N, C-alpha and C. Protein backbone atom coordinates (compact mmCIF):
# COMPACT_ATOMS: atom_id res chain seq x y z
N MET A 1 7.48 66.44 -47.24
CA MET A 1 8.69 67.23 -47.20
C MET A 1 8.73 68.13 -48.43
N ILE A 2 9.18 69.35 -48.22
CA ILE A 2 9.43 70.27 -49.32
C ILE A 2 10.93 70.51 -49.35
N ASN A 3 11.55 70.21 -50.48
CA ASN A 3 12.98 70.42 -50.67
C ASN A 3 13.13 71.67 -51.53
N VAL A 4 13.72 72.72 -50.98
CA VAL A 4 13.75 74.02 -51.64
C VAL A 4 15.17 74.40 -52.04
N TYR A 5 15.31 74.88 -53.25
CA TYR A 5 16.52 75.63 -53.63
C TYR A 5 16.03 76.93 -54.23
N SER A 6 16.35 78.03 -53.57
CA SER A 6 15.96 79.33 -54.08
C SER A 6 17.20 80.01 -54.62
N ASP A 7 17.18 80.35 -55.89
CA ASP A 7 18.35 80.94 -56.55
C ASP A 7 18.57 82.38 -56.10
N GLU A 8 19.52 83.05 -56.73
CA GLU A 8 19.87 84.42 -56.34
C GLU A 8 18.71 85.40 -56.53
N TYR A 9 17.72 85.05 -57.33
CA TYR A 9 16.56 85.90 -57.55
C TYR A 9 15.38 85.52 -56.65
N GLN A 10 15.59 84.53 -55.81
CA GLN A 10 14.58 84.05 -54.86
C GLN A 10 13.30 83.57 -55.55
N LEU A 11 13.45 82.92 -56.70
CA LEU A 11 12.29 82.47 -57.46
C LEU A 11 11.45 81.44 -56.70
N ALA A 12 12.10 80.50 -56.03
CA ALA A 12 11.33 79.48 -55.29
C ALA A 12 10.56 80.13 -54.15
N LEU A 13 11.19 81.03 -53.44
CA LEU A 13 10.52 81.71 -52.33
C LEU A 13 9.34 82.54 -52.84
N LYS A 14 9.54 83.27 -53.93
CA LYS A 14 8.45 84.06 -54.50
C LYS A 14 7.30 83.17 -54.95
N TYR A 15 7.63 82.02 -55.52
CA TYR A 15 6.60 81.07 -55.95
C TYR A 15 5.79 80.60 -54.74
N LEU A 16 6.47 80.21 -53.67
CA LEU A 16 5.78 79.74 -52.47
C LEU A 16 4.92 80.84 -51.87
N LYS A 17 5.38 82.08 -51.95
CA LYS A 17 4.62 83.20 -51.39
C LYS A 17 3.40 83.53 -52.24
N ASP A 18 3.57 83.48 -53.56
CA ASP A 18 2.52 83.95 -54.46
C ASP A 18 1.41 82.95 -54.74
N ILE A 19 1.70 81.66 -54.54
CA ILE A 19 0.64 80.68 -54.79
C ILE A 19 -0.19 80.50 -53.53
N ASP A 20 -1.38 80.04 -53.72
CA ASP A 20 -2.22 79.70 -52.58
C ASP A 20 -1.82 78.28 -52.17
N VAL A 21 -0.91 78.20 -51.21
CA VAL A 21 -0.38 76.91 -50.81
C VAL A 21 -1.47 76.12 -50.09
N ASN A 22 -1.85 75.02 -50.68
CA ASN A 22 -2.87 74.16 -50.09
C ASN A 22 -2.26 72.78 -49.88
N ILE A 23 -1.21 72.76 -49.11
CA ILE A 23 -0.51 71.52 -48.84
C ILE A 23 -0.68 71.22 -47.36
N CYS A 24 -1.18 70.06 -47.05
CA CYS A 24 -1.35 69.73 -45.65
C CYS A 24 -0.34 68.66 -45.23
N ASN A 25 -0.13 68.58 -43.94
CA ASN A 25 0.76 67.59 -43.34
C ASN A 25 2.21 67.72 -43.77
N ILE A 26 2.69 68.93 -43.95
CA ILE A 26 4.10 69.15 -44.21
C ILE A 26 4.83 69.02 -42.89
N LEU A 27 5.79 68.11 -42.83
CA LEU A 27 6.57 67.92 -41.61
C LEU A 27 7.88 68.67 -41.65
N ILE A 28 8.44 68.85 -42.86
CA ILE A 28 9.76 69.46 -42.96
C ILE A 28 9.90 70.21 -44.29
N MET A 29 10.55 71.35 -44.23
CA MET A 29 10.93 72.09 -45.43
C MET A 29 12.38 72.50 -45.20
N ALA A 30 13.24 72.15 -46.13
CA ALA A 30 14.66 72.37 -45.90
C ALA A 30 15.41 72.59 -47.20
N ARG A 31 16.62 73.08 -47.03
CA ARG A 31 17.68 73.14 -48.04
C ARG A 31 18.25 74.53 -48.13
N ASP A 32 18.65 74.94 -49.33
CA ASP A 32 19.40 76.17 -49.55
C ASP A 32 18.43 77.28 -49.94
N PHE A 33 18.20 78.21 -49.01
CA PHE A 33 17.28 79.31 -49.26
C PHE A 33 17.98 80.55 -49.79
N ASN A 34 19.31 80.57 -49.75
CA ASN A 34 20.10 81.71 -50.24
C ASN A 34 19.65 83.03 -49.62
N ILE A 35 19.37 83.01 -48.33
CA ILE A 35 18.96 84.23 -47.63
C ILE A 35 19.89 84.44 -46.44
N ARG A 36 20.53 85.59 -46.42
CA ARG A 36 21.38 85.96 -45.30
C ARG A 36 20.55 86.83 -44.35
N ASP A 37 20.45 86.40 -43.09
CA ASP A 37 19.62 87.11 -42.13
C ASP A 37 20.16 86.87 -40.73
N ARG A 38 20.07 87.87 -39.86
CA ARG A 38 20.61 87.69 -38.51
C ARG A 38 19.78 86.73 -37.65
N ASN A 39 18.57 86.41 -38.10
CA ASN A 39 17.76 85.44 -37.34
C ASN A 39 18.40 84.06 -37.33
N TRP A 40 19.20 83.74 -38.33
CA TRP A 40 19.86 82.44 -38.37
C TRP A 40 21.34 82.54 -38.73
N GLY A 41 21.79 83.66 -39.23
CA GLY A 41 23.18 83.79 -39.64
C GLY A 41 24.03 84.40 -38.55
N ILE A 42 24.99 83.64 -38.07
CA ILE A 42 25.79 84.10 -36.94
C ILE A 42 26.72 85.26 -37.31
N LEU A 43 26.93 85.50 -38.59
CA LEU A 43 27.83 86.57 -39.01
C LEU A 43 27.10 87.78 -39.58
N HIS A 44 25.78 87.77 -39.61
CA HIS A 44 25.02 88.86 -40.23
C HIS A 44 24.40 89.75 -39.16
N SER A 45 24.43 91.03 -39.41
CA SER A 45 23.91 91.98 -38.42
C SER A 45 22.61 92.64 -38.86
N HIS A 46 22.01 92.19 -39.95
CA HIS A 46 20.80 92.83 -40.46
C HIS A 46 19.73 91.80 -40.79
N HIS A 47 18.50 92.31 -40.88
CA HIS A 47 17.38 91.48 -41.33
C HIS A 47 17.26 91.62 -42.84
N SER A 48 16.73 90.59 -43.47
CA SER A 48 16.50 90.60 -44.90
C SER A 48 15.00 90.63 -45.17
N ALA A 49 14.60 91.38 -46.19
CA ALA A 49 13.19 91.36 -46.59
C ALA A 49 12.80 89.95 -47.02
N TYR A 50 13.72 89.23 -47.67
CA TYR A 50 13.44 87.84 -48.05
C TYR A 50 13.32 86.95 -46.83
N GLY A 51 14.08 87.24 -45.79
CA GLY A 51 13.95 86.48 -44.55
C GLY A 51 12.57 86.63 -43.95
N ASN A 52 12.04 87.85 -44.01
CA ASN A 52 10.68 88.09 -43.51
C ASN A 52 9.64 87.31 -44.34
N ILE A 53 9.82 87.30 -45.66
CA ILE A 53 8.90 86.54 -46.53
C ILE A 53 8.98 85.06 -46.21
N LEU A 54 10.20 84.56 -46.04
CA LEU A 54 10.37 83.14 -45.71
C LEU A 54 9.66 82.80 -44.41
N MET A 55 9.76 83.65 -43.42
CA MET A 55 9.09 83.39 -42.15
C MET A 55 7.56 83.43 -42.31
N GLU A 56 7.05 84.31 -43.18
CA GLU A 56 5.61 84.34 -43.45
C GLU A 56 5.15 83.05 -44.10
N VAL A 57 5.93 82.56 -45.08
CA VAL A 57 5.58 81.32 -45.77
C VAL A 57 5.60 80.15 -44.79
N THR A 58 6.65 80.06 -43.99
CA THR A 58 6.74 78.92 -43.06
C THR A 58 5.67 79.00 -41.98
N ASP A 59 5.34 80.21 -41.54
CA ASP A 59 4.23 80.36 -40.58
C ASP A 59 2.93 79.86 -41.18
N SER A 60 2.69 80.18 -42.46
CA SER A 60 1.45 79.74 -43.11
C SER A 60 1.39 78.22 -43.23
N LEU A 61 2.56 77.58 -43.31
CA LEU A 61 2.63 76.12 -43.37
C LEU A 61 2.72 75.49 -41.99
N LYS A 62 2.69 76.35 -40.95
CA LYS A 62 2.77 75.92 -39.56
C LYS A 62 4.10 75.21 -39.26
N LEU A 63 5.17 75.76 -39.83
CA LEU A 63 6.51 75.22 -39.61
C LEU A 63 7.34 76.23 -38.83
N LYS A 64 8.26 75.72 -38.02
CA LYS A 64 9.13 76.57 -37.23
C LYS A 64 10.58 76.28 -37.58
N LEU A 65 11.40 77.32 -37.53
CA LEU A 65 12.82 77.18 -37.83
C LEU A 65 13.48 76.30 -36.79
N PHE A 66 14.16 75.26 -37.26
CA PHE A 66 14.94 74.40 -36.38
C PHE A 66 16.31 75.02 -36.26
N SER A 67 16.74 75.22 -35.04
CA SER A 67 18.08 75.79 -34.85
C SER A 67 18.83 74.96 -33.82
N LEU A 68 20.09 74.80 -34.08
CA LEU A 68 20.96 74.07 -33.17
C LEU A 68 21.26 74.92 -31.94
N VAL A 69 21.61 74.27 -30.86
CA VAL A 69 21.99 75.00 -29.65
C VAL A 69 23.18 75.89 -29.94
N HIS A 70 24.16 75.35 -30.64
CA HIS A 70 25.33 76.12 -31.05
C HIS A 70 25.23 76.33 -32.56
N GLN A 71 25.03 77.57 -32.97
CA GLN A 71 24.90 77.85 -34.40
C GLN A 71 26.20 77.53 -35.12
N VAL A 72 26.05 76.97 -36.30
CA VAL A 72 27.21 76.66 -37.13
C VAL A 72 26.96 77.17 -38.54
N LEU A 73 28.04 77.41 -39.27
CA LEU A 73 27.92 77.78 -40.67
C LEU A 73 27.47 76.56 -41.46
N THR A 74 26.71 76.79 -42.52
CA THR A 74 26.20 75.67 -43.30
C THR A 74 26.72 75.63 -44.73
N GLN A 75 27.40 76.68 -45.16
CA GLN A 75 27.99 76.66 -46.49
C GLN A 75 29.37 77.29 -46.42
N TYR A 76 30.35 76.56 -46.94
CA TYR A 76 31.73 77.00 -46.90
C TYR A 76 32.23 77.25 -48.31
N THR A 77 33.01 78.28 -48.47
CA THR A 77 33.51 78.65 -49.79
C THR A 77 35.02 78.50 -49.84
N ASP A 78 35.52 78.18 -51.02
CA ASP A 78 36.98 78.14 -51.19
C ASP A 78 37.49 79.42 -51.84
N ASN A 79 36.60 80.38 -52.07
CA ASN A 79 36.96 81.68 -52.64
C ASN A 79 37.25 82.63 -51.48
N THR A 80 38.46 83.14 -51.40
CA THR A 80 38.84 84.01 -50.29
C THR A 80 38.11 85.35 -50.30
N ASN A 81 37.48 85.71 -51.41
CA ASN A 81 36.71 86.95 -51.49
C ASN A 81 35.30 86.79 -50.93
N ASP A 82 34.83 85.56 -50.75
CA ASP A 82 33.49 85.29 -50.22
C ASP A 82 33.60 84.86 -48.77
N SER A 83 32.52 84.99 -48.05
CA SER A 83 32.52 84.54 -46.66
C SER A 83 31.65 83.30 -46.53
N ASN A 84 31.94 82.50 -45.52
CA ASN A 84 31.11 81.33 -45.23
C ASN A 84 29.75 81.83 -44.73
N LEU A 85 28.72 81.03 -44.92
CA LEU A 85 27.35 81.49 -44.70
C LEU A 85 26.49 80.51 -43.93
N VAL A 86 25.36 81.01 -43.47
CA VAL A 86 24.27 80.17 -42.98
C VAL A 86 23.09 80.45 -43.91
N ILE A 87 22.94 79.60 -44.94
CA ILE A 87 21.82 79.79 -45.88
C ILE A 87 21.04 78.49 -46.08
N ASP A 88 21.54 77.40 -45.51
CA ASP A 88 20.82 76.13 -45.54
C ASP A 88 20.05 76.02 -44.24
N LEU A 89 18.74 75.91 -44.35
CA LEU A 89 17.88 75.96 -43.18
C LEU A 89 16.93 74.77 -43.17
N MET A 90 16.37 74.49 -41.99
CA MET A 90 15.39 73.43 -41.86
C MET A 90 14.22 73.94 -41.01
N PHE A 91 13.03 73.78 -41.53
CA PHE A 91 11.82 74.15 -40.82
C PHE A 91 11.02 72.89 -40.54
N LEU A 92 10.57 72.74 -39.30
CA LEU A 92 9.87 71.53 -38.87
C LEU A 92 8.53 71.88 -38.26
N GLN A 93 7.62 70.93 -38.31
CA GLN A 93 6.35 71.09 -37.63
C GLN A 93 6.63 70.97 -36.13
N PRO A 94 6.27 71.98 -35.35
CA PRO A 94 6.69 71.99 -33.95
C PRO A 94 6.13 70.85 -33.09
N ASP A 95 4.98 70.31 -33.44
CA ASP A 95 4.42 69.25 -32.60
C ASP A 95 4.69 67.84 -33.14
N SER A 96 5.52 67.74 -34.18
CA SER A 96 5.83 66.40 -34.71
C SER A 96 6.90 65.74 -33.85
N GLN A 97 6.91 64.42 -33.90
CA GLN A 97 7.89 63.66 -33.15
C GLN A 97 9.11 63.40 -34.02
N TYR A 98 10.24 63.90 -33.62
CA TYR A 98 11.48 63.66 -34.33
C TYR A 98 12.61 63.73 -33.32
N SER A 99 13.69 63.11 -33.66
CA SER A 99 14.88 63.23 -32.83
C SER A 99 16.10 63.25 -33.74
N LEU A 100 17.03 64.07 -33.37
CA LEU A 100 18.28 64.18 -34.10
C LEU A 100 19.41 63.85 -33.13
N ASP A 101 20.16 62.83 -33.44
CA ASP A 101 21.25 62.47 -32.53
C ASP A 101 22.61 62.67 -33.19
N TYR A 102 22.63 63.31 -34.34
CA TYR A 102 23.89 63.61 -35.01
C TYR A 102 23.67 64.73 -36.01
N ALA A 103 24.73 65.37 -36.39
CA ALA A 103 24.67 66.40 -37.43
C ALA A 103 25.05 65.76 -38.75
N LEU A 104 24.25 65.98 -39.75
CA LEU A 104 24.50 65.42 -41.07
C LEU A 104 25.55 66.25 -41.79
N LEU A 105 26.58 65.59 -42.26
CA LEU A 105 27.63 66.25 -43.03
C LEU A 105 27.65 65.66 -44.42
N ILE A 106 27.74 66.51 -45.42
CA ILE A 106 27.80 66.05 -46.80
C ILE A 106 29.04 66.66 -47.43
N VAL A 107 29.78 65.84 -48.13
CA VAL A 107 30.99 66.29 -48.78
C VAL A 107 30.92 65.91 -50.24
N ASP A 108 31.22 66.86 -51.12
CA ASP A 108 31.36 66.57 -52.55
C ASP A 108 32.83 66.30 -52.81
N ILE A 109 33.12 65.17 -53.41
CA ILE A 109 34.50 64.83 -53.77
C ILE A 109 34.57 64.75 -55.28
N PHE A 110 35.39 65.61 -55.86
CA PHE A 110 35.52 65.65 -57.30
C PHE A 110 36.70 64.76 -57.69
N ILE A 111 36.44 63.81 -58.57
CA ILE A 111 37.44 62.84 -58.99
C ILE A 111 37.69 63.04 -60.47
N SER A 112 38.95 63.20 -60.81
CA SER A 112 39.27 63.38 -62.22
C SER A 112 39.22 62.04 -62.93
N GLU A 113 38.93 62.11 -64.21
CA GLU A 113 38.87 60.91 -65.02
C GLU A 113 40.27 60.32 -65.17
N GLU A 114 40.36 59.02 -65.10
CA GLU A 114 41.66 58.37 -65.21
C GLU A 114 41.49 57.05 -65.96
N PHE A 115 42.41 56.78 -66.87
CA PHE A 115 42.37 55.52 -67.59
C PHE A 115 43.09 54.47 -66.76
N ILE A 116 42.41 53.38 -66.48
CA ILE A 116 43.00 52.28 -65.73
C ILE A 116 43.01 51.06 -66.65
N GLN A 117 44.18 50.60 -66.96
CA GLN A 117 44.32 49.43 -67.85
C GLN A 117 44.14 48.17 -67.01
N ASP A 118 43.28 47.28 -67.50
CA ASP A 118 43.14 46.02 -66.79
C ASP A 118 43.35 44.85 -67.74
N LYS A 119 43.56 43.70 -67.18
CA LYS A 119 43.80 42.51 -67.99
C LYS A 119 42.69 41.50 -67.74
């Protein structure tokens, strides 16, 4: 498995593109690619040059984009000036055996520090 986080400068994607990737038996590559593209983003009307690079990298690794029957947003913002996005993606080896019977949901819960007196 390759777990990717590509920042706003697409450093991880550029690294994967520029190195001679000699990794065999990759079954899955996933996470936050920070790429907005109409190939996977239900709210985007354009292609991204970075999206094309990502597809070249995944093709070289023999991975295919996993997409749900009903596309859903994968990142939600609490800033009203930003829009919700599809930037978390999963690429799988097309001939591997896998089954998904649920959608994984992750929630961050921020808890403030509190003093609790005990006896």
